[in-house]
C-alpha atoms as a PDB file:
ATOM      1  CA  MET A   1     138.269 144.141  82.290  1.00  0.00           C
ATOM      2  CA  TYR A   2     135.657 142.184  84.258  1.00  0.00           C
ATOM      3  CA  ARG A   3     137.133 139.691  86.703  1.00  0.00           C
ATOM      4  CA  LYS A   4     135.036 136.653  87.773  1.00  0.00           C
ATOM      5  CA  ARG A   5     134.727 136.444  91.531  1.00  0.00           C
ATOM      6  CA  ARG A   6     135.787 133.276  93.200  1.00  0.00           C
ATOM      7  CA  ARG A   7     132.886 131.293  94.692  1.00  0.00           C
ATOM      8  CA  TRP A   8     134.712 128.400  96.310  1.00  0.00           C
ATOM      9  CA  PRO A   9     134.895 129.915  99.839  1.00  0.00           C
ATOM     10  CA  TRP A  10     131.118 130.173  99.852  1.00  0.00           C
ATOM     11  CA  VAL A  11     130.757 126.649  98.499  1.00  0.00           C
ATOM     12  CA  LEU A  12     133.091 125.342 101.188  1.00  0.00           C
ATOM     13  CA  PHE A  13     131.182 127.270 103.812  1.00  0.00           C
ATOM     14  CA  GLY A  14     127.915 125.772 102.561  1.00  0.00           C
ATOM     15  CA  ILE A  15     129.378 122.266 102.700  1.00  0.00           C
ATOM     16  CA  LEU A  16     130.539 122.823 106.266  1.00  0.00           C
ATOM     17  CA  ILE A  17     127.095 124.114 107.254  1.00  0.00           C
ATOM     18  CA  LEU A  18     125.422 121.083 105.636  1.00  0.00           C
ATOM     19  CA  ALA A  19     127.842 118.685 107.305  1.00  0.00           C
ATOM     20  CA  ALA A  20     127.214 120.313 110.664  1.00  0.00           C
ATOM     21  CA  ALA A  21     123.458 120.103 110.123  1.00  0.00           C
ATOM     22  CA  LEU A  22     123.672 116.435 109.164  1.00  0.00           C
ATOM     23  CA  GLY A  23     125.937 115.769 112.131  1.00  0.00           C
ATOM     24  CA  GLY A  24     123.497 117.488 114.445  1.00  0.00           C
ATOM     25  CA  LEU A  25     120.600 115.559 112.975  1.00  0.00           C
ATOM     26  CA  GLY A  26     122.541 112.300 113.315  1.00  0.00           C
ATOM     27  CA  TYR A  27     123.374 113.083 116.943  1.00  0.00           C
ATOM     28  CA  TYR A  28     119.736 113.938 117.637  1.00  0.00           C
ATOM     29  CA  LEU A  29     118.492 110.690 116.096  1.00  0.00           C
ATOM     30  CA  TRP A  30     121.133 108.700 117.950  1.00  0.00           C
ATOM     31  CA  SER A  31     120.541 110.322 121.341  1.00  0.00           C
ATOM     32  CA  HIS A  32     116.729 110.538 121.209  1.00  0.00           C
ATOM     33  CA  TYR A  33     115.915 107.198 119.545  1.00  0.00           C
ATOM     34  CA  THR A  34     118.351 104.866 121.298  1.00  0.00           C
ATOM     35  CA  VAL A  35     116.538 101.811 122.647  1.00  0.00           C
ATOM     36  CA  THR A  36     117.081 101.393 126.369  1.00  0.00           C
ATOM     37  CA  GLU A  37     114.043  99.229 127.156  1.00  0.00           C
ATOM     38  CA  VAL A  38     112.896  96.078 125.369  1.00  0.00           C
ATOM     39  CA  TYR A  39     109.696  94.227 126.267  1.00  0.00           C
ATOM     40  CA  VAL A  40     109.445  90.628 125.049  1.00  0.00           C
ATOM     41  CA  GLU A  41     106.293  88.535 125.302  1.00  0.00           C
ATOM     42  CA  GLY A  42     105.150  85.148 124.023  1.00  0.00           C
ATOM     43  CA  ASN A  43     108.607  83.556 124.018  1.00  0.00           C
ATOM     44  CA  LEU A  44     109.111  80.017 125.340  1.00  0.00           C
ATOM     45  CA  HIS A  45     111.925  78.434 123.368  1.00  0.00           C
ATOM     46  CA  TYR A  46     114.188  81.493 123.303  1.00  0.00           C
ATOM     47  CA  THR A  47     115.269  83.723 126.177  1.00  0.00           C
ATOM     48  CA  GLN A  48     114.498  87.433 126.151  1.00  0.00           C
ATOM     49  CA  GLU A  49     118.170  88.150 125.469  1.00  0.00           C
ATOM     50  CA  GLU A  50     118.176  85.838 122.439  1.00  0.00           C
ATOM     51  CA  ILE A  51     115.027  87.457 121.029  1.00  0.00           C
ATOM     52  CA  ARG A  52     116.513  90.905 121.571  1.00  0.00           C
ATOM     53  CA  ASP A  53     119.726  89.939 119.759  1.00  0.00           C
ATOM     54  CA  ILE A  54     117.773  88.571 116.776  1.00  0.00           C
ATOM     55  CA  VAL A  55     115.627  91.687 116.360  1.00  0.00           C
ATOM     56  CA  MET A  56     118.290  94.300 117.137  1.00  0.00           C
ATOM     57  CA  GLU A  57     121.075  92.945 114.971  1.00  0.00           C
ATOM     58  CA  GLY A  58     123.265  95.229 112.895  1.00  0.00           C
ATOM     59  CA  PRO A  59     124.989  98.592 113.471  1.00  0.00           C
ATOM     60  CA  LEU A  60     121.680 100.508 113.819  1.00  0.00           C
ATOM     61  CA  GLY A  61     119.877  97.747 115.678  1.00  0.00           C
ATOM     62  CA  ASN A  62     119.552  99.852 118.834  1.00  0.00           C
ATOM     63  CA  ASN A  63     117.805 102.745 117.074  1.00  0.00           C
ATOM     64  CA  SER A  64     114.022 102.684 117.437  1.00  0.00           C
ATOM     65  CA  LEU A  65     113.431 104.887 114.395  1.00  0.00           C
ATOM     66  CA  TYR A  66     115.463 102.516 112.223  1.00  0.00           C
ATOM     67  CA  LEU A  67     113.668  99.503 113.702  1.00  0.00           C
ATOM     68  CA  SER A  68     110.261 101.085 113.067  1.00  0.00           C
ATOM     69  CA  LEU A  69     111.162 101.473 109.381  1.00  0.00           C
ATOM     70  CA  LYS A  70     112.812  98.054 109.125  1.00  0.00           C
ATOM     71  CA  TYR A  71     109.854  96.156 110.586  1.00  0.00           C
ATOM     72  CA  ARG A  72     106.980  98.342 109.343  1.00  0.00           C
ATOM     73  CA  ASN A  73     104.203  96.005 108.166  1.00  0.00           C
ATOM     74  CA  LYS A  74     106.668  93.151 108.401  1.00  0.00           C
ATOM     75  CA  GLY A  75     107.686  90.719 111.122  1.00  0.00           C
ATOM     76  CA  VAL A  76     110.808  88.668 111.728  1.00  0.00           C
ATOM     77  CA  GLU A  77     110.554  85.353 109.910  1.00  0.00           C
ATOM     78  CA  ASN A  78     112.634  82.250 109.232  1.00  0.00           C
ATOM     79  CA  ILE A  79     113.575  81.777 112.888  1.00  0.00           C
ATOM     80  CA  PRO A  80     113.427  78.164 114.136  1.00  0.00           C
ATOM     81  CA  PHE A  81     110.434  77.471 116.409  1.00  0.00           C
ATOM     82  CA  VAL A  82     108.933  80.893 115.596  1.00  0.00           C
ATOM     83  CA  ASP A  83     106.151  81.642 113.129  1.00  0.00           C
ATOM     84  CA  VAL A  84     106.685  85.396 113.273  1.00  0.00           C
ATOM     85  CA  MET A  85     107.855  88.149 115.615  1.00  0.00           C
ATOM     86  CA  ASP A  86     106.108  91.525 115.536  1.00  0.00           C
ATOM     87  CA  VAL A  87     108.065  94.619 116.542  1.00  0.00           C
ATOM     88  CA  SER A  88     106.247  97.722 117.755  1.00  0.00           C
ATOM     89  CA  ILE A  89     107.633 101.043 118.977  1.00  0.00           C
ATOM     90  CA  VAL A  90     106.405 101.954 122.461  1.00  0.00           C
ATOM     91  CA  SER A  91     108.397 105.181 122.733  1.00  0.00           C
ATOM     92  CA  PRO A  92     111.586 106.611 121.217  1.00  0.00           C
ATOM     93  CA  ASN A  93     113.546 104.581 123.767  1.00  0.00           C
ATOM     94  CA  ALA A  94     111.416 101.436 124.065  1.00  0.00           C
ATOM     95  CA  ILE A  95     110.205  98.638 121.787  1.00  0.00           C
ATOM     96  CA  ARG A  96     107.907  95.680 122.290  1.00  0.00           C
ATOM     97  CA  ILE A  97     108.619  92.335 120.605  1.00  0.00           C
ATOM     98  CA  THR A  98     105.703  89.904 120.409  1.00  0.00           C
ATOM     99  CA  VAL A  99     106.737  86.336 119.640  1.00  0.00           C
ATOM    100  CA  TYR A 100     104.346  83.883 118.014  1.00  0.00           C
ATOM    101  CA  GLU A 101     105.944  80.479 118.344  1.00  0.00           C
ATOM    102  CA  LYS A 102     105.007  77.438 116.299  1.00  0.00           C
ATOM    103  CA  ALA A 103     102.337  75.272 117.948  1.00  0.00           C
ATOM    104  CA  LEU A 104     104.407  72.270 118.984  1.00  0.00           C
ATOM    105  CA  ALA A 105     102.677  69.119 120.222  1.00  0.00           C
ATOM    106  CA  GLY A 106     105.800  67.244 121.291  1.00  0.00           C
ATOM    107  CA  TYR A 107     109.154  65.930 120.209  1.00  0.00           C
ATOM    108  CA  VAL A 108     110.803  62.589 119.564  1.00  0.00           C
ATOM    109  CA  ALA A 109     114.461  61.754 120.006  1.00  0.00           C
ATOM    110  CA  PHE A 110     115.943  60.535 116.730  1.00  0.00           C
ATOM    111  CA  MET A 111     119.632  59.794 116.334  1.00  0.00           C
ATOM    112  CA  ASP A 112     121.350  62.821 117.941  1.00  0.00           C
ATOM    113  CA  SER A 113     118.501  65.304 117.478  1.00  0.00           C
ATOM    114  CA  LEU A 114     115.203  66.287 119.031  1.00  0.00           C
ATOM    115  CA  MET A 115     112.568  66.369 116.288  1.00  0.00           C
ATOM    116  CA  TYR A 116     109.675  68.683 117.155  1.00  0.00           C
ATOM    117  CA  PHE A 117     106.313  68.134 115.489  1.00  0.00           C
ATOM    118  CA  ASP A 118     103.006  69.989 115.326  1.00  0.00           C
ATOM    119  CA  LYS A 119      99.457  68.912 116.122  1.00  0.00           C
ATOM    120  CA  ASP A 120      99.147  67.078 112.796  1.00  0.00           C
ATOM    121  CA  GLY A 121     102.402  65.196 113.212  1.00  0.00           C
ATOM    122  CA  TYR A 122     104.498  67.249 110.788  1.00  0.00           C
ATOM    123  CA  VAL A 123     108.124  67.672 111.844  1.00  0.00           C
ATOM    124  CA  VAL A 124     108.720  71.417 111.996  1.00  0.00           C
ATOM    125  CA  GLU A 125     112.140  71.713 113.625  1.00  0.00           C
ATOM    126  CA  SER A 126     115.249  69.719 114.469  1.00  0.00           C
ATOM    127  CA  SER A 127     117.236  70.863 117.478  1.00  0.00           C
ATOM    128  CA  SER A 128     119.647  69.774 120.172  1.00  0.00           C
ATOM    129  CA  VAL A 129     117.862  71.970 122.738  1.00  0.00           C
ATOM    130  CA  ARG A 130     114.938  70.774 124.810  1.00  0.00           C
ATOM    131  CA  THR A 131     112.112  73.305 125.014  1.00  0.00           C
ATOM    132  CA  ALA A 132     110.519  73.612 128.439  1.00  0.00           C
ATOM    133  CA  GLY A 133     106.850  72.654 128.481  1.00  0.00           C
ATOM    134  CA  ILE A 134     107.040  70.464 125.354  1.00  0.00           C
ATOM    135  CA  PRO A 135     106.833  66.748 126.286  1.00  0.00           C
ATOM    136  CA  GLN A 136     108.935  63.987 124.820  1.00  0.00           C
ATOM    137  CA  ILE A 137     106.816  61.370 123.048  1.00  0.00           C
ATOM    138  CA  THR A 138     108.042  57.793 123.301  1.00  0.00           C
ATOM    139  CA  GLY A 139     106.728  54.421 122.222  1.00  0.00           C
ATOM    140  CA  LEU A 140     106.202  55.427 118.575  1.00  0.00           C
ATOM    141  CA  SER A 141     107.844  53.256 115.915  1.00  0.00           C
ATOM    142  CA  PHE A 142     109.529  54.692 112.803  1.00  0.00           C
ATOM    143  CA  ASP A 143     112.754  54.081 110.893  1.00  0.00           C
ATOM    144  CA  HIS A 144     113.256  57.547 109.415  1.00  0.00           C
ATOM    145  CA  ILE A 145     112.226  61.176 109.911  1.00  0.00           C
ATOM    146  CA  VAL A 146     112.181  63.927 107.286  1.00  0.00           C
ATOM    147  CA  LEU A 147     111.984  67.595 108.282  1.00  0.00           C
ATOM    148  CA  GLY A 148     108.770  69.101 106.942  1.00  0.00           C
ATOM    149  CA  GLU A 149     107.070  65.753 106.522  1.00  0.00           C
ATOM    150  CA  LYS A 150     104.745  63.778 108.779  1.00  0.00           C
ATOM    151  CA  LEU A 151     106.148  61.361 111.317  1.00  0.00           C
ATOM    152  CA  PRO A 152     105.854  57.922 109.659  1.00  0.00           C
ATOM    153  CA  VAL A 153     103.733  56.194 112.304  1.00  0.00           C
ATOM    154  CA  GLU A 154     101.279  53.365 111.652  1.00  0.00           C
ATOM    155  CA  ASP A 155      98.253  55.118 113.131  1.00  0.00           C
ATOM    156  CA  ASP A 156      97.833  58.880 112.604  1.00  0.00           C
ATOM    157  CA  SER A 157      95.176  59.042 115.325  1.00  0.00           C
ATOM    158  CA  VAL A 158      98.024  59.079 117.843  1.00  0.00           C
ATOM    159  CA  PHE A 159      98.569  62.774 117.061  1.00  0.00           C
ATOM    160  CA  GLU A 160      94.994  63.562 118.034  1.00  0.00           C
ATOM    161  CA  SER A 161      95.557  61.742 121.316  1.00  0.00           C
ATOM    162  CA  ILE A 162      98.742  63.694 121.938  1.00  0.00           C
ATOM    163  CA  MET A 163      96.982  67.019 121.371  1.00  0.00           C
ATOM    164  CA  ASP A 164      94.061  65.999 123.579  1.00  0.00           C
ATOM    165  CA  ILE A 165      96.479  65.154 126.371  1.00  0.00           C
ATOM    166  CA  THR A 166      98.630  68.273 126.043  1.00  0.00           C
ATOM    167  CA  LYS A 167      95.545  70.505 126.050  1.00  0.00           C
ATOM    168  CA  LEU A 168      94.246  68.815 129.189  1.00  0.00           C
ATOM    169  CA  LEU A 169      97.640  69.076 130.872  1.00  0.00           C
ATOM    170  CA  SER A 170      97.673  72.797 130.126  1.00  0.00           C
ATOM    171  CA  LYS A 171      94.081  73.157 131.338  1.00  0.00           C
ATOM    172  CA  TYR A 172      94.931  71.610 134.711  1.00  0.00           C
ATOM    173  CA  GLU A 173      98.317  73.353 134.955  1.00  0.00           C
ATOM    174  CA  LEU A 174     100.427  70.221 134.652  1.00  0.00           C
ATOM    175  CA  THR A 175     103.698  69.754 132.778  1.00  0.00           C
ATOM    176  CA  ALA A 176     104.601  66.197 131.802  1.00  0.00           C
ATOM    177  CA  ASP A 177     108.219  65.326 131.091  1.00  0.00           C
ATOM    178  CA  LYS A 178     107.228  62.512 128.796  1.00  0.00           C
ATOM    179  CA  ILE A 179     104.166  60.875 127.242  1.00  0.00           C
ATOM    180  CA  TYR A 180     104.472  57.198 126.410  1.00  0.00           C
ATOM    181  CA  PHE A 181     102.287  55.406 123.861  1.00  0.00           C
ATOM    182  CA  GLN A 182     102.760  51.668 123.631  1.00  0.00           C
ATOM    183  CA  ALA A 183      99.381  51.189 122.007  1.00  0.00           C
ATOM    184  CA  ALA A 184      95.984  52.856 121.974  1.00  0.00           C
ATOM    185  CA  ASP A 185      95.203  51.279 125.338  1.00  0.00           C
ATOM    186  CA  ASN A 186      98.511  52.011 127.096  1.00  0.00           C
ATOM    187  CA  ILE A 187      99.179  55.709 127.714  1.00  0.00           C
ATOM    188  CA  VAL A 188     101.632  56.711 130.446  1.00  0.00           C
ATOM    189  CA  LEU A 189     102.481  60.227 131.645  1.00  0.00           C
ATOM    190  CA  TYR A 190     105.766  60.983 133.407  1.00  0.00           C
ATOM    191  CA  PHE A 191     106.126  63.618 136.116  1.00  0.00           C
ATOM    192  CA  GLY A 192     109.633  63.395 137.528  1.00  0.00           C
ATOM    193  CA  GLY A 193     109.764  60.185 139.553  1.00  0.00           C
ATOM    194  CA  VAL A 194     106.044  59.495 139.212  1.00  0.00           C
ATOM    195  CA  LYS A 195     104.309  57.734 136.328  1.00  0.00           C
ATOM    196  CA  ALA A 196     100.577  57.973 135.727  1.00  0.00           C
ATOM    197  CA  ALA A 197      99.377  54.899 133.822  1.00  0.00           C
ATOM    198  CA  LEU A 198      96.144  56.074 132.187  1.00  0.00           C
ATOM    199  CA  GLY A 199      95.359  52.994 130.132  1.00  0.00           C
ATOM    200  CA  ASP A 200      93.214  53.915 127.118  1.00  0.00           C
ATOM    201  CA  ARG A 201      91.601  57.242 126.180  1.00  0.00           C
ATOM    202  CA  SER A 202      88.334  56.583 127.994  1.00  0.00           C
ATOM    203  CA  GLY A 203      87.643  59.136 130.713  1.00  0.00           C
ATOM    204  CA  LEU A 204      90.833  60.982 129.788  1.00  0.00           C
ATOM    205  CA  GLU A 205      89.830  64.326 131.261  1.00  0.00           C
ATOM    206  CA  GLU A 206      88.531  62.784 134.491  1.00  0.00           C
ATOM    207  CA  LYS A 207      91.867  61.018 134.953  1.00  0.00           C
ATOM    208  CA  ILE A 208      94.040  64.064 134.257  1.00  0.00           C
ATOM    209  CA  MET A 209      91.777  66.355 136.276  1.00  0.00           C
ATOM    210  CA  VAL A 210      92.604  64.545 139.548  1.00  0.00           C
ATOM    211  CA  LEU A 211      96.338  64.205 138.886  1.00  0.00           C
ATOM    212  CA  PRO A 212      97.359  67.560 140.473  1.00  0.00           C
ATOM    213  CA  GLN A 213      95.922  66.456 143.819  1.00  0.00           C
ATOM    214  CA  PHE A 214      97.441  62.974 143.572  1.00  0.00           C
ATOM    215  CA  LEU A 215     100.874  64.386 142.746  1.00  0.00           C
ATOM    216  CA  LYS A 216     100.635  66.872 145.603  1.00  0.00           C
ATOM    217  CA  GLU A 217      99.791  64.121 148.077  1.00  0.00           C
ATOM    218  CA  LEU A 218     102.672  61.929 146.869  1.00  0.00           C
ATOM    219  CA  GLY A 219     105.272  64.625 147.447  1.00  0.00           C
ATOM    220  CA  ASP A 220     108.743  63.176 146.786  1.00  0.00           C
ATOM    221  CA  ARG A 221     107.606  59.573 146.616  1.00  0.00           C
ATOM    222  CA  LYS A 222     108.354  57.640 143.433  1.00  0.00           C
ATOM    223  CA  GLY A 223     106.250  55.050 141.714  1.00  0.00           C
ATOM    224  CA  THR A 224     103.239  54.536 139.472  1.00  0.00           C
ATOM    225  CA  ILE A 225      99.682  55.766 139.799  1.00  0.00           C
ATOM    226  CA  ARG A 226      97.533  53.020 138.285  1.00  0.00           C
ATOM    227  CA  MET A 227      94.548  54.671 136.594  1.00  0.00           C
ATOM    228  CA  GLU A 228      93.678  52.113 133.918  1.00  0.00           C
ATOM    229  CA  ASN A 229      90.424  51.348 135.701  1.00  0.00           C
ATOM    230  CA  TYR A 230      89.889  54.785 137.201  1.00  0.00           C
ATOM    231  CA  GLU A 231      86.332  55.893 137.842  1.00  0.00           C
ATOM    232  CA  SER A 232      85.082  59.240 139.006  1.00  0.00           C
ATOM    233  CA  GLY A 233      85.765  59.441 142.724  1.00  0.00           C
ATOM    234  CA  GLY A 234      89.085  57.596 142.549  1.00  0.00           C
ATOM    235  CA  ALA A 235      87.858  54.261 143.918  1.00  0.00           C
ATOM    236  CA  MET A 236      89.857  52.304 141.326  1.00  0.00           C
ATOM    237  CA  THR A 237      93.190  54.128 141.717  1.00  0.00           C
ATOM    238  CA  VAL A 238      96.247  52.340 143.132  1.00  0.00           C
ATOM    239  CA  PHE A 239      99.726  53.689 143.808  1.00  0.00           C
ATOM    240  CA  GLU A 240     102.622  51.276 143.341  1.00  0.00           C
ATOM    241  CA  ALA A 241     105.626  52.709 145.138  1.00  0.00           C
ATOM    242  CA  GLN A 242     109.214  52.394 143.920  1.00  0.00           C
ATOM    243  CA  GLU A 243     108.400  50.502 140.757  1.00  0.00           C
ATOM    244  CA  GLU A 244     111.500  49.392 138.864  1.00  0.00           C
ATOM    245  CA  SER A 245     112.103  50.879 135.413  1.00  0.00           C
ATOM    246  CA  GLY A 246     110.374  48.904 132.712  1.00  0.00           C
ATOM    247  CA  ALA A 247     110.427  48.642 128.945  1.00  0.00           C
ATOM    248  CA  ASP A 248     108.439  51.829 128.588  1.00  0.00           C
ATOM    249  CA  GLU A 249     111.201  54.126 129.817  1.00  0.00           C
END
């Protein structure tokens, strides 16, 4: 009588071989594609550590092969202050994260929040954290702010003035703590203990262009640089030392 041979030892052996192969493959992927270097560029609002934590979240977040599949043809979105973050694989053990932050013109303090807005005046983020390099805008009047909507100011041309000023500040490597607009003819820039009263928008670039030298010469002195009647050459510039705080602060 024919007796059927048992096959289960061979099946078990095959399973063990497959498990060992998968284990070896898993170990290889883990050991050869573990991220040990992360390059971050373009970030201002977030630190490199914060960007790294956002991108490399999850149990396989430190595996470059997994990250290359996760972010292939797709960036990291829906992060406050960030338009998109692109992730590229430099080597099996290194990735590069390029951050494209939202173009912020300034922020206004409203209730207990800092409301950041773009070049057109649309409020793009609400935060309790002040972003370095983004000036506070004061002197604007409004009774409410809605995220995603335009700041309800009387004259929208103020946003053009803000962008003109911030571009010029960047051009001449200046960082203002605050920009004050009382009216179209009363613009004041704050640099620590020094205020630069520019007056109106006439000759705006000529006024800002000479500020680095003025600020350097003033050193630690406090006061106001009167530039309302500034003319090329600086003949109409006056420095008022130790001016008391006024209504514009």
